[in-house]
PDB file of all heavy atoms in Angstrom:
ATOM      1  N   ALA A   1       0.806  -1.220   0.011  1.00  0.00           N
ATOM      2  CA  ALA A   1       0.013   0.027  -0.046  1.00  0.00           C
ATOM      3  C   ALA A   1       0.870   1.232   0.028  1.00  0.00           C
ATOM      4  O   ALA A   1       0.532   2.283  -0.642  1.00  0.00           O
ATOM      5  CB  ALA A   1      -0.934   0.033   1.227  1.00  0.00           C
ATOM      6  N   ALA A   2       2.074   1.140   0.682  1.00  0.00           N
ATOM      7  CA  ALA A   2       2.831   2.416   0.714  1.00  0.00           C
ATOM      8  C   ALA A   2       3.380   2.835  -0.600  1.00  0.00           C
ATOM      9  O   ALA A   2       3.657   3.925  -0.902  1.00  0.00           O
ATOM     10  CB  ALA A   2       3.973   2.164   1.756  1.00  0.00           C
ATOM     11  N   GLN A   3       3.638   1.790  -1.398  1.00  0.00           N
ATOM     12  CA  GLN A   3       4.132   2.005  -2.791  1.00  0.00           C
ATOM     13  C   GLN A   3       3.103   2.779  -3.693  1.00  0.00           C
ATOM     14  O   GLN A   3       3.425   3.348  -4.639  1.00  0.00           O
ATOM     15  CB  GLN A   3       4.613   0.765  -3.516  1.00  0.00           C
ATOM     16  CG  GLN A   3       5.843   0.218  -2.813  1.00  0.00           C
ATOM     17  CD  GLN A   3       6.095  -1.245  -3.386  1.00  0.00           C
ATOM     18  OE1 GLN A   3       5.501  -1.661  -4.298  1.00  0.00           O
ATOM     19  NE2 GLN A   3       7.031  -1.890  -2.760  1.00  0.00           N
ATOM     20  N   ARG A   4       1.816   2.648  -3.340  1.00  0.00           N
ATOM     21  CA  ARG A   4       0.752   3.220  -4.212  1.00  0.00           C
ATOM     22  C   ARG A   4       0.326   4.584  -3.731  1.00  0.00           C
ATOM     23  O   ARG A   4      -0.558   5.129  -4.435  1.00  0.00           O
ATOM     24  CB  ARG A   4      -0.477   2.186  -4.147  1.00  0.00           C
ATOM     25  CG  ARG A   4      -0.159   0.816  -4.755  1.00  0.00           C
ATOM     26  CD  ARG A   4      -1.466   0.113  -4.913  1.00  0.00           C
ATOM     27  NE  ARG A   4      -2.295   0.191  -3.709  1.00  0.00           N
ATOM     28  CZ  ARG A   4      -2.577  -0.831  -2.915  1.00  0.00           C
ATOM     29  NH1 ARG A   4      -2.272  -2.016  -3.214  1.00  0.00           N
ATOM     30  NH2 ARG A   4      -3.477  -0.616  -1.892  1.00  0.00           N
ATOM     31  N   ILE A   5       0.804   5.112  -2.611  1.00  0.00           N
ATOM     32  CA  ILE A   5       0.335   6.395  -2.115  1.00  0.00           C
ATOM     33  C   ILE A   5       1.282   7.545  -2.509  1.00  0.00           C
ATOM     34  O   ILE A   5       2.459   7.231  -2.544  1.00  0.00           O
ATOM     35  CB  ILE A   5       0.072   6.361  -0.563  1.00  0.00           C
ATOM     36  CG1 ILE A   5      -0.748   7.550  -0.181  1.00  0.00           C
ATOM     37  CG2 ILE A   5       1.383   6.227   0.106  1.00  0.00           C
ATOM     38  CD1 ILE A   5      -1.328   7.451   1.173  1.00  0.00           C
ATOM     39  N   ALA A   6       0.782   8.663  -2.887  1.00  0.00           N
ATOM     40  CA  ALA A   6       1.510   9.745  -3.218  1.00  0.00           C
ATOM     41  C   ALA A   6       1.027  10.923  -2.644  1.00  0.00           C
ATOM     42  O   ALA A   6      -0.196  11.142  -2.409  1.00  0.00           O
ATOM     43  CB  ALA A   6       1.632   9.955  -4.820  1.00  0.00           C
ATOM     44  N   PHE A   7       1.931  11.938  -2.272  1.00  0.00           N
ATOM     45  CA  PHE A   7       1.493  13.167  -1.585  1.00  0.00           C
ATOM     46  C   PHE A   7       1.968  14.354  -2.394  1.00  0.00           C
ATOM     47  O   PHE A   7       2.978  14.366  -3.029  1.00  0.00           O
ATOM     48  CB  PHE A   7       2.138  13.205  -0.197  1.00  0.00           C
ATOM     49  CG  PHE A   7       1.698  12.318   0.835  1.00  0.00           C
ATOM     50  CD1 PHE A   7       2.126  11.003   0.873  1.00  0.00           C
ATOM     51  CD2 PHE A   7       0.645  12.701   1.725  1.00  0.00           C
ATOM     52  CE1 PHE A   7       1.630  10.129   1.822  1.00  0.00           C
ATOM     53  CE2 PHE A   7       0.173  11.809   2.685  1.00  0.00           C
ATOM     54  CZ  PHE A   7       0.652  10.494   2.715  1.00  0.00           C
ATOM     55  N   GLY A   8       1.235  15.395  -2.369  1.00  0.00           N
ATOM     56  CA  GLY A   8       1.579  16.640  -2.994  1.00  0.00           C
ATOM     57  C   GLY A   8       1.020  17.846  -2.154  1.00  0.00           C
ATOM     58  O   GLY A   8      -0.057  17.714  -1.442  1.00  0.00           O
ATOM     59  N   VAL A   9       1.647  19.010  -2.249  1.00  0.00           N
ATOM     60  CA  VAL A   9       1.150  20.192  -1.548  1.00  0.00           C
ATOM     61  C   VAL A   9       0.979  21.277  -2.625  1.00  0.00           C
ATOM     62  O   VAL A   9       1.730  21.410  -3.521  1.00  0.00           O
ATOM     63  CB  VAL A   9       2.279  20.668  -0.520  1.00  0.00           C
ATOM     64  CG1 VAL A   9       1.867  21.902   0.139  1.00  0.00           C
ATOM     65  CG2 VAL A   9       2.618  19.509   0.471  1.00  0.00           C
ATOM     66  N   TYR A  10      -0.173  22.011  -2.394  1.00  0.00           N
ATOM     67  CA  TYR A  10      -0.411  23.111  -3.214  1.00  0.00           C
ATOM     68  C   TYR A  10      -0.851  24.351  -2.478  1.00  0.00           C
ATOM     69  O   TYR A  10      -1.234  24.197  -1.301  1.00  0.00           O
ATOM     70  CB  TYR A  10      -1.526  22.684  -4.340  1.00  0.00           C
ATOM     71  CG  TYR A  10      -2.868  22.336  -3.678  1.00  0.00           C
ATOM     72  CD1 TYR A  10      -3.801  23.221  -3.509  1.00  0.00           C
ATOM     73  CD2 TYR A  10      -3.040  21.054  -3.288  1.00  0.00           C
ATOM     74  CE1 TYR A  10      -5.054  22.918  -2.960  1.00  0.00           C
ATOM     75  CE2 TYR A  10      -4.297  20.701  -2.771  1.00  0.00           C
ATOM     76  CZ  TYR A  10      -5.290  21.653  -2.509  1.00  0.00           C
ATOM     77  OH  TYR A  10      -6.483  21.286  -2.003  1.00  0.00           O
ATOM     78  N   ASP A  11      -0.667  25.480  -3.094  1.00  0.00           N
ATOM     79  CA  ASP A  11      -0.949  26.724  -2.434  1.00  0.00           C
ATOM     80  C   ASP A  11      -2.140  27.382  -3.088  1.00  0.00           C
ATOM     81  O   ASP A  11      -2.040  28.375  -3.812  1.00  0.00           O
ATOM     82  CB  ASP A  11       0.228  27.642  -2.555  1.00  0.00           C
ATOM     83  CG  ASP A  11       0.084  28.969  -1.658  1.00  0.00           C
ATOM     84  OD1 ASP A  11      -0.747  28.885  -0.691  1.00  0.00           O
ATOM     85  OD2 ASP A  11       0.820  29.930  -1.923  1.00  0.00           O
ATOM     86  N   GLU A  12      -3.305  26.874  -2.879  1.00  0.00           N
ATOM     87  CA  GLU A  12      -4.610  27.285  -3.369  1.00  0.00           C
ATOM     88  C   GLU A  12      -5.647  27.206  -2.264  1.00  0.00           C
ATOM     89  O   GLU A  12      -5.459  26.478  -1.290  1.00  0.00           O
ATOM     90  CB  GLU A  12      -5.146  26.426  -4.502  1.00  0.00           C
ATOM     91  CG  GLU A  12      -4.210  26.384  -5.719  1.00  0.00           C
ATOM     92  CD  GLU A  12      -4.380  27.546  -6.619  1.00  0.00           C
ATOM     93  OE1 GLU A  12      -5.407  28.215  -6.552  1.00  0.00           O
ATOM     94  OE2 GLU A  12      -3.382  27.829  -7.332  1.00  0.00           O
ATOM     95  N   PRO A  13      -6.642  28.034  -2.245  1.00  0.00           N
ATOM     96  CA  PRO A  13      -7.713  27.974  -1.249  1.00  0.00           C
ATOM     97  C   PRO A  13      -8.372  26.599  -1.280  1.00  0.00           C
ATOM     98  O   PRO A  13      -8.597  26.047  -2.386  1.00  0.00           O
ATOM     99  CB  PRO A  13      -8.750  29.054  -1.646  1.00  0.00           C
ATOM    100  CG  PRO A  13      -8.029  29.903  -2.616  1.00  0.00           C
ATOM    101  CD  PRO A  13      -6.880  29.134  -3.203  1.00  0.00           C
ATOM    102  N   ILE A  14      -8.675  26.082  -0.120  1.00  0.00           N
ATOM    103  CA  ILE A  14      -9.298  24.756   0.027  1.00  0.00           C
ATOM    104  C   ILE A  14     -10.832  24.881  -0.283  1.00  0.00           C
ATOM    105  O   ILE A  14     -11.458  25.696   0.330  1.00  0.00           O
ATOM    106  CB  ILE A  14      -9.144  24.167   1.378  1.00  0.00           C
ATOM    107  CG1 ILE A  14      -7.578  23.939   1.749  1.00  0.00           C
ATOM    108  CG2 ILE A  14      -9.852  22.841   1.549  1.00  0.00           C
ATOM    109  CD1 ILE A  14      -7.395  23.574   3.102  1.00  0.00           C
ATOM    110  N   ARG A  15     -11.292  24.193  -1.290  1.00  0.00           N
ATOM    111  CA  ARG A  15     -12.681  24.208  -1.498  1.00  0.00           C
ATOM    112  C   ARG A  15     -13.296  22.844  -1.232  1.00  0.00           C
ATOM    113  O   ARG A  15     -14.366  22.704  -0.602  1.00  0.00           O
ATOM    114  CB  ARG A  15     -12.955  24.528  -3.021  1.00  0.00           C
ATOM    115  CG  ARG A  15     -12.353  25.793  -3.493  1.00  0.00           C
ATOM    116  CD  ARG A  15     -13.185  26.968  -3.160  1.00  0.00           C
ATOM    117  NE  ARG A  15     -12.759  28.150  -3.883  1.00  0.00           N
ATOM    118  CZ  ARG A  15     -12.192  29.240  -3.255  1.00  0.00           C
ATOM    119  NH1 ARG A  15     -12.166  29.265  -1.972  1.00  0.00           N
ATOM    120  NH2 ARG A  15     -11.850  30.248  -3.931  1.00  0.00           N
ATOM    121  N   PHE A  16     -12.609  21.736  -1.720  1.00  0.00           N
ATOM    122  CA  PHE A  16     -13.115  20.379  -1.525  1.00  0.00           C
ATOM    123  C   PHE A  16     -11.913  19.458  -1.237  1.00  0.00           C
ATOM    124  O   PHE A  16     -10.813  19.750  -1.806  1.00  0.00           O
ATOM    125  CB  PHE A  16     -13.721  19.814  -2.786  1.00  0.00           C
ATOM    126  CG  PHE A  16     -15.221  20.204  -3.028  1.00  0.00           C
ATOM    127  CD1 PHE A  16     -15.492  21.423  -3.674  1.00  0.00           C
ATOM    128  CD2 PHE A  16     -16.208  19.431  -2.501  1.00  0.00           C
ATOM    129  CE1 PHE A  16     -16.793  21.715  -3.853  1.00  0.00           C
ATOM    130  CE2 PHE A  16     -17.494  19.712  -2.763  1.00  0.00           C
ATOM    131  CZ  PHE A  16     -17.847  20.968  -3.370  1.00  0.00           C
ATOM    132  N   ASN A  17     -12.081  18.525  -0.365  1.00  0.00           N
ATOM    133  CA  ASN A  17     -11.051  17.392  -0.346  1.00  0.00           C
ATOM    134  C   ASN A  17     -11.629  16.444  -1.301  1.00  0.00           C
ATOM    135  O   ASN A  17     -12.791  16.048  -1.346  1.00  0.00           O
ATOM    136  CB  ASN A  17     -11.157  16.755   1.110  1.00  0.00           C
ATOM    137  CG  ASN A  17     -10.652  17.636   2.179  1.00  0.00           C
ATOM    138  OD1 ASN A  17      -9.602  18.402   1.968  1.00  0.00           O
ATOM    139  ND2 ASN A  17     -11.262  17.649   3.331  1.00  0.00           N
ATOM    140  N   ILE A  18     -10.722  16.073  -2.262  1.00  0.00           N
ATOM    141  CA  ILE A  18     -11.142  15.232  -3.399  1.00  0.00           C
ATOM    142  C   ILE A  18     -10.175  13.978  -3.385  1.00  0.00           C
ATOM    143  O   ILE A  18      -8.975  14.134  -3.476  1.00  0.00           O
ATOM    144  CB  ILE A  18     -11.017  15.960  -4.687  1.00  0.00           C
ATOM    145  CG1 ILE A  18     -11.968  17.179  -4.728  1.00  0.00           C
ATOM    146  CG2 ILE A  18     -11.378  14.966  -5.837  1.00  0.00           C
ATOM    147  CD1 ILE A  18     -11.725  18.049  -5.942  1.00  0.00           C
ATOM    148  N   THR A  19     -10.735  12.803  -3.412  1.00  0.00           N
ATOM    149  CA  THR A  19     -10.051  11.547  -3.525  1.00  0.00           C
ATOM    150  C   THR A  19     -10.668  10.803  -4.749  1.00  0.00           C
ATOM    151  O   THR A  19     -11.798  10.438  -4.739  1.00  0.00           O
ATOM    152  CB  THR A  19     -10.180  10.692  -2.297  1.00  0.00           C
ATOM    153  OG1 THR A  19      -9.716  11.437  -1.122  1.00  0.00           O
ATOM    154  CG2 THR A  19      -9.265   9.529  -2.394  1.00  0.00           C
ATOM    155  N   LEU A  20      -9.769  10.613  -5.767  1.00  0.00           N
ATOM    156  CA  LEU A  20     -10.207   9.759  -6.837  1.00  0.00           C
ATOM    157  C   LEU A  20      -9.802   8.251  -6.537  1.00  0.00           C
ATOM    158  O   LEU A  20      -8.603   8.053  -6.293  1.00  0.00           O
ATOM    159  CB  LEU A  20      -9.593  10.233  -8.160  1.00  0.00           C
ATOM    160  CG  LEU A  20      -9.870  11.709  -8.539  1.00  0.00           C
ATOM    161  CD1 LEU A  20      -9.087  12.054  -9.793  1.00  0.00           C
ATOM    162  CD2 LEU A  20     -11.345  11.912  -8.740  1.00  0.00           C
ATOM    163  N   ILE A  21     -10.768   7.411  -6.612  1.00  0.00           N
ATOM    164  CA  ILE A  21     -10.453   6.008  -6.131  1.00  0.00           C
ATOM    165  C   ILE A  21      -9.954   5.211  -7.323  1.00  0.00           C
ATOM    166  O   ILE A  21      -8.819   4.658  -7.225  1.00  0.00           O
ATOM    167  CB  ILE A  21     -11.707   5.383  -5.582  1.00  0.00           C
ATOM    168  CG1 ILE A  21     -12.314   6.233  -4.411  1.00  0.00           C
ATOM    169  CG2 ILE A  21     -11.423   3.994  -5.213  1.00  0.00           C
ATOM    170  CD1 ILE A  21     -11.386   6.401  -3.248  1.00  0.00           C
ATOM    171  N   ASP A  22     -10.747   5.086  -8.348  1.00  0.00           N
ATOM    172  CA  ASP A  22     -10.269   4.049  -9.489  1.00  0.00           C
ATOM    173  C   ASP A  22     -10.717   4.515 -10.830  1.00  0.00           C
ATOM    174  O   ASP A  22     -10.895   3.680 -11.732  1.00  0.00           O
ATOM    175  CB  ASP A  22     -10.904   2.667  -9.112  1.00  0.00           C
ATOM    176  CG  ASP A  22     -12.402   2.750  -9.039  1.00  0.00           C
ATOM    177  OD1 ASP A  22     -13.041   3.808  -9.282  1.00  0.00           O
ATOM    178  OD2 ASP A  22     -13.068   1.741  -8.727  1.00  0.00           O
ATOM    179  N   GLY A  23     -10.845   5.716 -11.079  1.00  0.00           N
ATOM    180  CA  GLY A  23     -11.337   6.226 -12.389  1.00  0.00           C
ATOM    181  C   GLY A  23     -12.838   6.125 -12.598  1.00  0.00           C
ATOM    182  O   GLY A  23     -13.335   6.584 -13.580  1.00  0.00           O
ATOM    183  N   GLN A  24     -13.504   5.721 -11.537  1.00  0.00           N
ATOM    184  CA  GLN A  24     -14.989   5.558 -11.580  1.00  0.00           C
ATOM    185  C   GLN A  24     -15.641   6.065 -10.340  1.00  0.00           C
ATOM    186  O   GLN A  24     -16.844   6.293 -10.409  1.00  0.00           O
ATOM    187  CB  GLN A  24     -15.399   4.072 -11.810  1.00  0.00           C
ATOM    188  CG  GLN A  24     -14.989   3.363 -13.029  1.00  0.00           C
ATOM    189  CD  GLN A  24     -15.541   4.059 -14.306  1.00  0.00           C
ATOM    190  OE1 GLN A  24     -16.756   4.262 -14.345  1.00  0.00           O
ATOM    191  NE2 GLN A  24     -14.667   4.366 -15.224  1.00  0.00           N
ATOM    192  N   LEU A  25     -14.907   6.205  -9.343  1.00  0.00           N
ATOM    193  CA  LEU A  25     -15.495   6.716  -8.025  1.00  0.00           C
ATOM    194  C   LEU A  25     -14.676   7.869  -7.430  1.00  0.00           C
ATOM    195  O   LEU A  25     -13.466   7.815  -7.410  1.00  0.00           O
ATOM    196  CB  LEU A  25     -15.468   5.479  -7.004  1.00  0.00           C
ATOM    197  CG  LEU A  25     -16.109   5.720  -5.678  1.00  0.00           C
ATOM    198  CD1 LEU A  25     -17.567   6.128  -5.848  1.00  0.00           C
ATOM    199  CD2 LEU A  25     -15.909   4.528  -4.805  1.00  0.00           C
ATOM    200  N   CYS A  26     -15.296   8.789  -6.940  1.00  0.00           N
ATOM    201  CA  CYS A  26     -14.725  10.017  -6.348  1.00  0.00           C
ATOM    202  C   CYS A  26     -15.358  10.207  -4.936  1.00  0.00           C
ATOM    203  O   CYS A  26     -16.557  10.111  -4.863  1.00  0.00           O
ATOM    204  CB  CYS A  26     -14.945  11.181  -7.209  1.00  0.00           C
ATOM    205  SG  CYS A  26     -14.536  12.771  -6.475  1.00  0.00           S
ATOM    206  N   VAL A  27     -14.570  10.503  -3.984  1.00  0.00           N
ATOM    207  CA  VAL A  27     -15.075  10.997  -2.665  1.00  0.00           C
ATOM    208  C   VAL A  27     -14.777  12.485  -2.541  1.00  0.00           C
ATOM    209  O   VAL A  27     -13.602  12.873  -2.717  1.00  0.00           O
ATOM    210  CB  VAL A  27     -14.448  10.161  -1.502  1.00  0.00           C
ATOM    211  CG1 VAL A  27     -14.892  10.630  -0.199  1.00  0.00           C
ATOM    212  CG2 VAL A  27     -14.655   8.714  -1.714  1.00  0.00           C
ATOM    213  N   ALA A  28     -15.766  13.285  -2.342  1.00  0.00           N
ATOM    214  CA  ALA A  28     -15.565  14.666  -2.283  1.00  0.00           C
ATOM    215  C   ALA A  28     -16.264  15.261  -1.038  1.00  0.00           C
ATOM    216  O   ALA A  28     -17.353  14.917  -0.747  1.00  0.00           O
ATOM    217  CB  ALA A  28     -16.092  15.449  -3.530  1.00  0.00           C
ATOM    218  N   GLN A  29     -15.520  16.079  -0.322  1.00  0.00           N
ATOM    219  CA  GLN A  29     -16.067  16.711   0.888  1.00  0.00           C
ATOM    220  C   GLN A  29     -15.749  18.229   0.872  1.00  0.00           C
ATOM    221  O   GLN A  29     -14.603  18.568   0.731  1.00  0.00           O
ATOM    222  CB  GLN A  29     -15.387  16.086   2.079  1.00  0.00           C
ATOM    223  CG  GLN A  29     -15.908  16.587   3.417  1.00  0.00           C
ATOM    224  CD  GLN A  29     -15.289  15.902   4.594  1.00  0.00           C
ATOM    225  OE1 GLN A  29     -14.100  15.633   4.654  1.00  0.00           O
ATOM    226  NE2 GLN A  29     -16.067  15.670   5.644  1.00  0.00           N
ATOM    227  N   PRO A  30     -16.855  19.052   0.941  1.00  0.00           N
ATOM    228  CA  PRO A  30     -16.502  20.484   0.835  1.00  0.00           C
ATOM    229  C   PRO A  30     -15.868  21.005   2.125  1.00  0.00           C
ATOM    230  O   PRO A  30     -16.062  20.454   3.258  1.00  0.00           O
ATOM    231  CB  PRO A  30     -17.912  21.103   0.715  1.00  0.00           C
ATOM    232  CG  PRO A  30     -18.784  20.065   1.313  1.00  0.00           C
ATOM    233  CD  PRO A  30     -18.214  18.737   1.105  1.00  0.00           C
ATOM    234  N   TYR A  31     -15.016  22.044   2.011  1.00  0.00           N
ATOM    235  CA  TYR A  31     -14.469  22.747   3.190  1.00  0.00           C
ATOM    236  C   TYR A  31     -15.506  23.730   3.637  1.00  0.00           C
ATOM    237  O   TYR A  31     -15.917  24.615   2.932  1.00  0.00           O
ATOM    238  CB  TYR A  31     -13.137  23.442   2.816  1.00  0.00           C
ATOM    239  CG  TYR A  31     -12.643  24.291   3.895  1.00  0.00           C
ATOM    240  CD1 TYR A  31     -12.171  23.738   5.053  1.00  0.00           C
ATOM    241  CD2 TYR A  31     -12.772  25.655   3.808  1.00  0.00           C
ATOM    242  CE1 TYR A  31     -11.720  24.579   6.137  1.00  0.00           C
ATOM    243  CE2 TYR A  31     -12.265  26.528   4.766  1.00  0.00           C
ATOM    244  CZ  TYR A  31     -11.722  25.971   5.978  1.00  0.00           C
ATOM    245  OH  TYR A  31     -11.322  26.753   6.952  1.00  0.00           O
ATOM    246  N   LEU A  32     -15.969  23.606   4.859  1.00  0.00           N
ATOM    247  CA  LEU A  32     -16.875  24.538   5.411  1.00  0.00           C
ATOM    248  C   LEU A  32     -16.180  25.138   6.646  1.00  0.00           C
ATOM    249  O   LEU A  32     -15.951  24.495   7.690  1.00  0.00           O
ATOM    250  CB  LEU A  32     -18.208  23.755   5.901  1.00  0.00           C
ATOM    251  CG  LEU A  32     -18.893  23.008   4.775  1.00  0.00           C
ATOM    252  CD1 LEU A  32     -20.068  22.251   5.347  1.00  0.00           C
ATOM    253  CD2 LEU A  32     -19.372  24.016   3.709  1.00  0.00           C
ATOM    254  N   PRO A  33     -15.875  26.425   6.552  1.00  0.00           N
ATOM    255  CA  PRO A  33     -15.009  27.095   7.585  1.00  0.00           C
ATOM    256  C   PRO A  33     -15.627  27.065   9.020  1.00  0.00           C
ATOM    257  O   PRO A  33     -14.856  27.159   9.999  1.00  0.00           O
ATOM    258  CB  PRO A  33     -14.816  28.522   7.064  1.00  0.00           C
ATOM    259  CG  PRO A  33     -15.814  28.772   5.941  1.00  0.00           C
ATOM    260  CD  PRO A  33     -16.240  27.345   5.523  1.00  0.00           C
ATOM    261  N   GLN A  34     -16.922  27.015   9.213  1.00  0.00           N
ATOM    262  CA  GLN A  34     -17.514  26.993  10.498  1.00  0.00           C
ATOM    263  C   GLN A  34     -17.942  25.598  10.989  1.00  0.00           C
ATOM    264  O   GLN A  34     -18.584  25.477  11.969  1.00  0.00           O
ATOM    265  CB  GLN A  34     -18.729  27.929  10.436  1.00  0.00           C
ATOM    266  CG  GLN A  34     -18.444  29.324  10.059  1.00  0.00           C
ATOM    267  CD  GLN A  34     -17.353  30.043  10.913  1.00  0.00           C
ATOM    268  OE1 GLN A  34     -17.364  29.902  12.132  1.00  0.00           O
ATOM    269  NE2 GLN A  34     -16.589  30.783  10.278  1.00  0.00           N
ATOM    270  N   THR A  35     -17.494  24.629  10.294  1.00  0.00           N
ATOM    271  CA  THR A  35     -17.911  23.235  10.544  1.00  0.00           C
ATOM    272  C   THR A  35     -16.671  22.300  10.748  1.00  0.00           C
ATOM    273  O   THR A  35     -15.834  22.384   9.900  1.00  0.00           O
ATOM    274  CB  THR A  35     -18.804  22.675   9.405  1.00  0.00           C
ATOM    275  OG1 THR A  35     -19.906  23.623   9.263  1.00  0.00           O
ATOM    276  CG2 THR A  35     -19.405  21.308   9.729  1.00  0.00           C
TER     277      THR A  35
END
């Protein structure tokens, strides 16, 4: 599993946490500043 994970950092405002699973499924969670 460690060989399959990659990390990156970007300097943009956070709008959504986005995880693409397999080209067919996406998990998206909006950033809500008060939540």
